[in-house]
Every structure is written in structure tokens, then in C-alpha cells.
Amino acid sequence: MAPAAPAAPAQRPLAKPPVRKLAKDLGVDLATVTPTGPDGVVTREDVHAAVAAAQAPQQTAPAAQPAAPAVPAPADRPAAPASYDSGRETRIPVKGVRKATAAAMVGSAFTAPHVTEFVTVDVTRTMKLVEELKQDKEFAGLRVNPLLLIAKALLVAIRRNPDINASWDEAAQEIVVKHYVNLGIAAATPRGLIVPNIKDAHAKTLPELAASLGELVSTAREGKTSPSAMQGGTVTITNVGVFGVDTGTPILNPGESAILAVGAIKPQPWVHKGKVKPRQVTTLALSFDHRLVDGELGSKVLADVAAILEQPKRLITWA
């Protein structure tokens, strides 16, 4: 009887080196990814889609309990704890949202060349407008805060400088300019940092944007944000000011070209109309992908946002 012929080796998934590195950084087996690129090539978007699909079950099914620690626990310690404190150190399993966020940030940091620019802004008039809007019947029952006007200012700046709202397609070697804005809002939750986004934020009126922001924040705090709400973002805002931080250098979300960090708003001495006066001041930081956003474009967007916040009535003429 003739010996059986050896099985043909499995075909290696087709992907370019940067995509292979991204998959390795995110812990994705390319053999499990469904390719959508030309001739069956796996793209960056395919890898991110695989990560998102892997996260989805964790949103609905109970998380698996970690293995018991090697050090025996006292009899009154609950079995299979989420974290273990030995007295000298605490070990916390990295899983779920925190694990996915960490993988995405590593992939972003080592894939997109980040550049960050800063501007310090007098937002006294913006703060006054916030108080006026709180009394406006059109905003009754809605959450009105500085973030609302900052978000609107960014949307206006994007409309005036649309090339900032883009992504880099590694497989096709193309820059993809989006004609819509899915505005991501970074939110700290008990499950870790998540970035849900407001779909088609560019098309919303200010009251509609306020309602969407309020719903997004409430849903995130309740731990009810769906996987779909965290997919498809184009530009993000992270408000580090709520923690009393003046500024930072935010890392881009994968697939996005820009992220705006908002620092704490607080009174500072400021030259206003030729005199030093106490004014409400904040620092904005804009990080962008230097492959598709050059210094001129990034500066224009940041300057536009600053100009609107210094004179927020420009929202009426520019929006």
C-alpha cells in the first residue's frame, strides 16, 4: 500500500509587513482574520475589526474568573477574586476593555507618527456663554458644559479644514478623507477608559449635540456602552481637565488622524485689552498623524478651535 501523500502546508495569510506588526502588537492571529483587501490581502481595518469582534462577547457574557493565585488565600477570602492583594503587592488581571484599550494604544503609538501642538486660550467668554445656554429654554433638561462648546468648535474647525478628518489605508496606500464626523469622547469608567463616538456629529445642531453628549456620558458611566458605539470614530476629544490636569500629549485612537486634549479651565492673570486681569484660561493639545496631517493643517485646526472659544459667538457665523 502506497504511503499517504503529505498534507499541503497551510497557505500563509497575505498581509503587508506593517499590518503583520499591527496584528502581532494586538495579539491577533492573521489566519483567523477575514481579508477584504485586493487579492485576499488582510488590511489594517480587517485587523481592527477582528479585535472589535473579539471584544463583543465580553460586553454581554460574564467575564471568566482568573485562576486562583499560587499563594494560598485565607479561608475567609472569596474564591477566584478579580484581583489579589498579598499585602505587599496587588495583582489585577488585564482583560476586557482595559486589555483591548492597551493593545490599541500600543498599536497606535508604534504605527502612526505622532505630533502634538499646544495653545493656551482665554475661554472667559465661552464660560459666560455656557451659563447663558443653561438658562435657554431650548436647552432645558440638557447637559450644558464647556465640553459641549469645545466639541462644536472642533466640528466647525473640521468643516473649515476637512483634510484633518481622515485615515491612512496602509494596504491601498491611500489617504481616506471622511465627509462625516463620528466624534469620539474619551470616558473614564469603572471598566477602564473607553471612547464611544457620536455618529454624524457634524450634522447635529447645538441642542442635538448636547443631548447626544449627555446620553453618551450617562451610558458610559452605567457600563452600558455597546461595541458598535466604540467603532467607526474619526476624531476624538479627551477632557483631562476634569482631573485638574493642565495639558497632556494624547495618543491617537487607531484609524483616526487627530485627537484634542482639553486641560483644566481655571482663573489666571491674562493681558486683556491692554491690562492684566484674571481670566478663565485653558490649554488645548492637538495630536495628529504626521503621515497625513502636516504642521500647517494641524496648526490651522488648533488655531480655529482657539479662536472660536475666545469669541464663541463665531459659532453662530461659522457653524
Protein backbone atom coordinates (compact mmCIF):
# COMPACT_ATOMS: atom_id res chain seq x y z
CA MET A 1 0.00 0.00 0.00
CA ALA A 2 1.50 3.34 -1.02
CA PRO A 3 2.20 5.80 1.80
CA ALA A 4 -0.23 8.69 2.09
CA ALA A 5 0.92 11.92 0.46
CA PRO A 6 1.95 14.62 2.97
CA ALA A 7 -0.68 17.27 3.60
CA ALA A 8 -0.15 20.53 1.73
CA PRO A 9 1.14 23.28 4.04
CA ALA A 10 -1.44 25.86 5.05
CA GLN A 11 -1.22 29.00 2.95
CA ARG A 12 0.30 31.94 4.83
CA PRO A 13 -2.19 34.81 5.15
CA LEU A 14 -1.42 37.67 2.77
CA ALA A 15 -0.58 40.93 4.55
CA LYS A 16 1.97 43.71 4.30
CA PRO A 17 4.71 43.95 6.96
CA PRO A 18 3.12 46.92 8.83
CA VAL A 19 -0.17 45.03 9.04
CA ARG A 20 1.63 41.92 10.32
CA LYS A 21 3.31 44.03 13.01
CA LEU A 22 -0.02 45.60 13.98
CA ALA A 23 -1.60 42.14 14.27
CA LYS A 24 1.31 40.95 16.42
CA ASP A 25 1.05 44.02 18.70
CA LEU A 26 -2.70 43.50 19.11
CA GLY A 27 -2.39 39.74 19.63
CA VAL A 28 -4.38 38.87 16.51
CA ASP A 29 -3.72 35.64 14.57
CA LEU A 30 -3.85 36.65 10.90
CA ALA A 31 -5.09 33.17 9.99
CA THR A 32 -8.35 34.00 11.82
CA VAL A 33 -8.88 37.34 10.09
CA THR A 34 -11.25 37.67 7.13
CA PRO A 35 -9.37 39.64 4.43
CA THR A 36 -11.14 42.38 2.47
CA GLY A 37 -8.18 43.81 0.54
CA PRO A 38 -7.38 43.18 -3.13
CA ASP A 39 -6.45 39.56 -3.92
CA GLY A 40 -7.30 38.46 -0.38
CA VAL A 41 -4.84 40.78 1.39
CA VAL A 42 -5.51 41.44 5.09
CA THR A 43 -5.76 45.20 5.77
CA ARG A 44 -5.34 47.27 8.92
CA GLU A 45 -9.12 47.67 9.07
CA ASP A 46 -9.52 43.87 8.97
CA VAL A 47 -7.22 43.54 11.99
CA HIS A 48 -9.08 46.21 13.96
CA ALA A 49 -12.39 44.56 13.02
CA ALA A 50 -11.09 41.26 14.41
CA VAL A 51 -10.15 42.98 17.68
CA ALA A 52 -13.61 44.56 17.90
CA ALA A 53 -15.29 41.22 17.21
CA ALA A 54 -13.24 39.59 19.94
CA GLN A 55 -14.38 42.25 22.41
CA ALA A 56 -18.06 41.91 21.60
CA PRO A 57 -18.78 38.74 23.64
CA GLN A 58 -17.21 40.36 26.69
CA GLN A 59 -19.87 43.04 26.61
CA THR A 60 -22.70 40.54 27.03
CA ALA A 61 -21.28 37.44 28.67
CA PRO A 62 -19.93 37.31 32.23
CA ALA A 63 -16.15 37.61 32.35
CA ALA A 64 -14.31 34.39 33.10
CA GLN A 65 -12.78 34.26 36.56
CA PRO A 66 -8.96 34.23 36.69
CA ALA A 67 -7.10 31.22 38.01
CA ALA A 68 -6.60 31.06 41.75
CA PRO A 69 -3.33 32.64 42.95
CA ALA A 70 -0.37 30.40 43.70
CA VAL A 71 -0.16 31.78 47.25
CA PRO A 72 -2.89 30.18 49.38
CA ALA A 73 -5.54 32.64 50.46
CA PRO A 74 -7.08 32.86 53.93
CA ALA A 75 -10.25 30.86 54.42
CA ASP A 76 -12.42 33.98 54.57
CA ARG A 77 -11.11 35.35 51.24
CA PRO A 78 -13.65 35.00 48.37
CA ALA A 79 -12.71 32.40 45.77
CA ALA A 80 -11.24 33.49 42.42
CA PRO A 81 -11.08 37.24 43.14
CA ALA A 82 -10.88 39.83 40.34
CA SER A 83 -7.60 40.98 41.91
CA TYR A 84 -5.36 39.59 44.61
CA ASP A 85 -3.68 41.58 47.37
CA SER A 86 -0.87 39.70 49.12
CA GLY A 87 -0.18 42.59 51.47
CA ARG A 88 2.96 43.69 49.66
CA GLU A 89 1.53 43.92 46.15
CA THR A 90 -1.75 43.71 44.27
CA ARG A 91 -2.17 41.80 41.02
CA ILE A 92 -5.00 42.80 38.71
CA PRO A 93 -5.81 40.62 35.67
CA VAL A 94 -5.69 42.58 32.43
CA LYS A 95 -8.76 41.68 30.43
CA GLY A 96 -11.84 43.03 28.72
CA VAL A 97 -11.93 46.74 27.97
CA ARG A 98 -8.61 47.51 29.63
CA LYS A 99 -6.80 44.82 27.64
CA ALA A 100 -8.31 45.96 24.34
CA THR A 101 -7.50 49.61 25.11
CA ALA A 102 -3.90 48.80 25.97
CA ALA A 103 -3.44 46.80 22.76
CA ALA A 104 -4.98 49.55 20.64
CA MET A 105 -2.80 52.25 22.20
CA VAL A 106 0.37 50.23 21.66
CA GLY A 107 -0.62 49.67 18.03
CA SER A 108 -1.33 53.39 17.54
CA ALA A 109 1.85 54.60 19.24
CA PHE A 110 4.09 52.37 17.11
CA THR A 111 2.22 52.78 13.81
CA ALA A 112 1.30 56.46 13.43
CA PRO A 113 4.00 59.15 13.78
CA HIS A 114 2.50 61.44 16.42
CA VAL A 115 2.96 65.21 16.52
CA THR A 116 1.41 67.35 19.29
CA GLU A 117 0.84 71.11 19.27
CA PHE A 118 -0.38 73.28 22.15
CA VAL A 119 -2.20 76.57 22.56
CA THR A 120 -3.31 78.44 25.69
CA VAL A 121 -6.71 80.08 25.33
CA ASP A 122 -8.76 82.70 27.15
CA VAL A 123 -12.16 80.99 27.40
CA THR A 124 -13.85 83.58 29.63
CA ARG A 125 -16.50 84.34 27.00
CA THR A 126 -17.08 80.64 26.42
CA MET A 127 -17.76 80.13 30.13
CA LYS A 128 -20.21 83.04 30.08
CA LEU A 129 -21.99 81.54 27.08
CA VAL A 130 -22.28 78.22 28.92
CA GLU A 131 -24.14 79.97 31.74
CA GLU A 132 -26.40 81.75 29.25
CA LEU A 133 -27.27 78.49 27.47
CA LYS A 134 -28.19 76.85 30.77
CA GLN A 135 -30.98 79.42 31.05
CA ASP A 136 -32.11 78.99 27.43
CA LYS A 137 -35.37 77.05 27.15
CA GLU A 138 -34.04 75.30 24.05
CA PHE A 139 -31.51 73.55 26.30
CA ALA A 140 -33.93 72.72 29.13
CA GLY A 141 -33.13 69.29 30.59
CA LEU A 142 -29.87 69.02 28.63
CA ARG A 143 -26.32 68.84 29.96
CA VAL A 144 -24.63 72.15 29.08
CA ASN A 145 -20.93 72.46 29.91
CA PRO A 146 -17.69 73.72 28.33
CA LEU A 147 -17.14 70.37 26.60
CA LEU A 148 -20.27 70.99 24.52
CA LEU A 149 -18.90 74.23 23.08
CA ILE A 150 -15.41 72.77 22.66
CA ALA A 151 -16.91 69.88 20.69
CA LYS A 152 -18.88 72.27 18.50
CA ALA A 153 -15.79 74.43 17.96
CA LEU A 154 -13.82 71.36 16.84
CA LEU A 155 -16.60 70.34 14.45
CA VAL A 156 -16.58 73.81 12.90
CA ALA A 157 -12.79 73.71 12.57
CA ILE A 158 -13.01 70.32 10.86
CA ARG A 159 -15.57 71.60 8.39
CA ARG A 160 -13.27 74.51 7.54
CA ASN A 161 -10.27 72.16 7.31
CA PRO A 162 -11.75 68.84 6.13
CA ASP A 163 -8.44 67.09 5.43
CA ILE A 164 -7.87 66.72 9.18
CA ASN A 165 -10.76 64.22 9.26
CA ALA A 166 -9.02 61.33 7.54
CA SER A 167 -7.41 57.91 7.94
CA TRP A 168 -4.42 56.11 6.47
CA ASP A 169 -5.14 52.99 4.39
CA GLU A 170 -1.88 51.05 4.55
CA ALA A 171 -2.96 48.25 2.19
CA ALA A 172 -4.13 50.59 -0.57
CA GLN A 173 -1.52 53.26 0.21
CA GLU A 174 -4.25 55.90 0.23
CA ILE A 175 -5.41 58.72 2.48
CA VAL A 176 -9.15 58.40 3.09
CA VAL A 177 -10.82 61.76 3.79
CA LYS A 178 -14.13 61.29 5.62
CA HIS A 179 -17.07 63.51 4.70
CA TYR A 180 -18.72 62.81 8.05
CA VAL A 181 -17.52 63.18 11.64
CA ASN A 182 -18.05 60.45 14.21
CA LEU A 183 -16.85 62.40 17.24
CA GLY A 184 -15.20 60.24 19.90
CA ILE A 185 -15.36 61.29 23.55
CA ALA A 186 -12.88 59.57 25.86
CA ALA A 187 -14.65 58.47 29.04
CA ALA A 188 -13.18 57.04 32.23
CA THR A 189 -15.40 54.24 33.57
CA PRO A 190 -15.07 51.54 36.24
CA ARG A 191 -14.19 49.15 33.37
CA GLY A 192 -11.38 51.41 32.18
CA LEU A 193 -11.04 54.08 29.50
CA ILE A 194 -13.46 53.77 26.59
CA VAL A 195 -14.02 56.02 23.59
CA PRO A 196 -17.59 55.85 22.31
CA ASN A 197 -18.43 58.22 19.49
CA ILE A 198 -21.33 60.37 18.38
CA LYS A 199 -22.30 59.27 14.88
CA ASP A 200 -22.61 62.06 12.30
CA ALA A 201 -21.87 64.71 14.92
CA HIS A 202 -21.18 67.22 12.13
CA ALA A 203 -24.87 67.26 11.17
CA LYS A 204 -26.22 67.99 14.66
CA THR A 205 -27.45 71.31 15.98
CA LEU A 206 -26.05 72.53 19.29
CA PRO A 207 -29.05 71.23 21.31
CA GLU A 208 -28.86 67.89 19.46
CA LEU A 209 -25.14 67.68 20.19
CA ALA A 210 -25.83 68.42 23.87
CA ALA A 211 -28.39 65.61 24.01
CA SER A 212 -26.00 63.16 22.34
CA LEU A 213 -23.15 64.08 24.69
CA GLY A 214 -25.38 63.64 27.73
CA GLU A 215 -26.58 60.24 26.55
CA LEU A 216 -23.04 59.11 25.71
CA VAL A 217 -21.68 60.05 29.14
CA SER A 218 -24.60 58.52 31.06
CA THR A 219 -24.42 55.26 29.10
CA ALA A 220 -20.65 55.02 29.65
CA ARG A 221 -20.93 55.61 33.40
CA GLU A 222 -23.59 52.92 33.65
CA GLY A 223 -21.33 50.46 31.83
CA LYS A 224 -23.85 50.02 29.01
CA THR A 225 -21.80 51.29 26.07
CA SER A 226 -22.18 48.88 23.15
CA PRO A 227 -19.26 47.72 20.97
CA SER A 228 -20.80 49.44 17.95
CA ALA A 229 -20.73 52.78 19.80
CA MET A 230 -16.94 52.49 20.05
CA GLN A 231 -16.37 51.68 16.37
CA GLY A 232 -16.00 53.98 13.39
CA GLY A 233 -14.70 57.09 15.17
CA THR A 234 -12.93 59.70 13.03
CA VAL A 235 -11.70 62.35 15.55
CA THR A 236 -11.63 62.30 19.35
CA ILE A 237 -11.74 64.70 22.32
CA THR A 238 -10.24 63.76 25.68
CA ASN A 239 -11.01 66.05 28.61
CA VAL A 240 -8.09 65.69 31.04
CA GLY A 241 -9.14 68.93 32.70
CA VAL A 242 -11.78 67.14 34.78
CA PHE A 243 -8.87 65.63 36.73
CA GLY A 244 -7.28 69.03 37.36
CA VAL A 245 -4.60 68.43 34.71
CA ASP A 246 -3.39 71.40 32.65
CA THR A 247 -2.50 69.52 29.46
CA GLY A 248 -1.08 66.31 28.00
CA THR A 249 0.06 64.61 24.80
CA PRO A 250 -2.84 62.35 23.82
CA ILE A 251 -2.31 59.19 21.77
CA LEU A 252 -4.38 58.76 18.63
CA ASN A 253 -7.10 56.17 18.50
CA PRO A 254 -6.35 53.56 15.80
CA GLY A 255 -7.70 54.61 12.42
CA GLU A 256 -8.04 58.29 13.38
CA SER A 257 -5.88 61.24 12.36
CA ALA A 258 -6.37 63.66 15.28
CA ILE A 259 -7.25 63.88 18.96
CA LEU A 260 -7.82 67.04 21.00
CA ALA A 261 -6.95 67.14 24.71
CA VAL A 262 -8.65 69.79 26.85
CA GLY A 263 -6.93 70.94 30.03
CA ALA A 264 -8.35 72.34 33.25
CA ILE A 265 -10.16 75.69 32.99
CA LYS A 266 -9.10 77.99 35.81
CA PRO A 267 -8.56 81.68 36.55
CA GLN A 268 -5.15 83.03 35.58
CA PRO A 269 -3.63 86.50 35.11
CA TRP A 270 -4.07 87.42 31.46
CA VAL A 271 -3.45 90.52 29.35
CA HIS A 272 -6.94 91.61 28.26
CA LYS A 273 -7.46 94.91 26.44
CA GLY A 274 -4.03 96.09 27.48
CA LYS A 275 -4.44 95.31 31.18
CA VAL A 276 -3.58 92.28 33.30
CA LYS A 277 -6.83 90.78 34.57
CA PRO A 278 -7.97 87.43 35.96
CA ARG A 279 -9.44 85.42 33.10
CA GLN A 280 -10.68 81.86 32.63
CA VAL A 281 -7.87 80.09 30.76
CA THR A 282 -7.22 76.59 29.44
CA THR A 283 -4.61 74.78 27.35
CA LEU A 284 -5.54 72.71 24.32
CA ALA A 285 -3.28 70.00 22.86
CA LEU A 286 -3.84 68.55 19.40
CA SER A 287 -2.07 65.32 18.44
CA PHE A 288 -2.18 64.25 14.81
CA ASP A 289 -0.83 61.62 12.43
CA HIS A 290 2.02 63.32 10.58
CA ARG A 291 1.70 60.94 7.63
CA LEU A 292 -1.47 62.69 6.51
CA VAL A 293 -1.61 65.91 8.56
CA ASP A 294 1.27 68.36 8.18
CA GLY A 295 2.16 71.13 10.59
CA GLU A 296 0.24 73.77 8.65
CA LEU A 297 -3.03 71.85 8.67
CA GLY A 298 -2.71 70.82 12.32
CA SER A 299 -1.92 74.42 13.29
CA LYS A 300 -4.90 75.78 11.35
CA VAL A 301 -7.30 73.41 13.08
CA LEU A 302 -5.95 74.16 16.54
CA ALA A 303 -5.94 77.91 15.87
CA ASP A 304 -9.54 77.74 14.61
CA VAL A 305 -10.71 75.96 17.75
CA ALA A 306 -8.90 78.51 19.93
CA ALA A 307 -10.34 81.47 18.01
CA ILE A 308 -13.89 80.15 18.38
CA LEU A 309 -13.51 79.57 22.12
CA GLU A 310 -12.09 83.07 22.61
CA GLN A 311 -15.03 84.54 20.63
CA PRO A 312 -17.74 81.85 20.89
CA LYS A 313 -20.28 83.97 19.02
CA ARG A 314 -18.32 82.87 15.93
CA LEU A 315 -20.20 79.60 16.34
CA ILE A 316 -23.23 81.48 15.02
CA THR A 317 -21.48 82.68 11.85
CA TRP A 318 -19.18 79.70 11.27
CA ALA A 319 -21.47 76.82 12.31
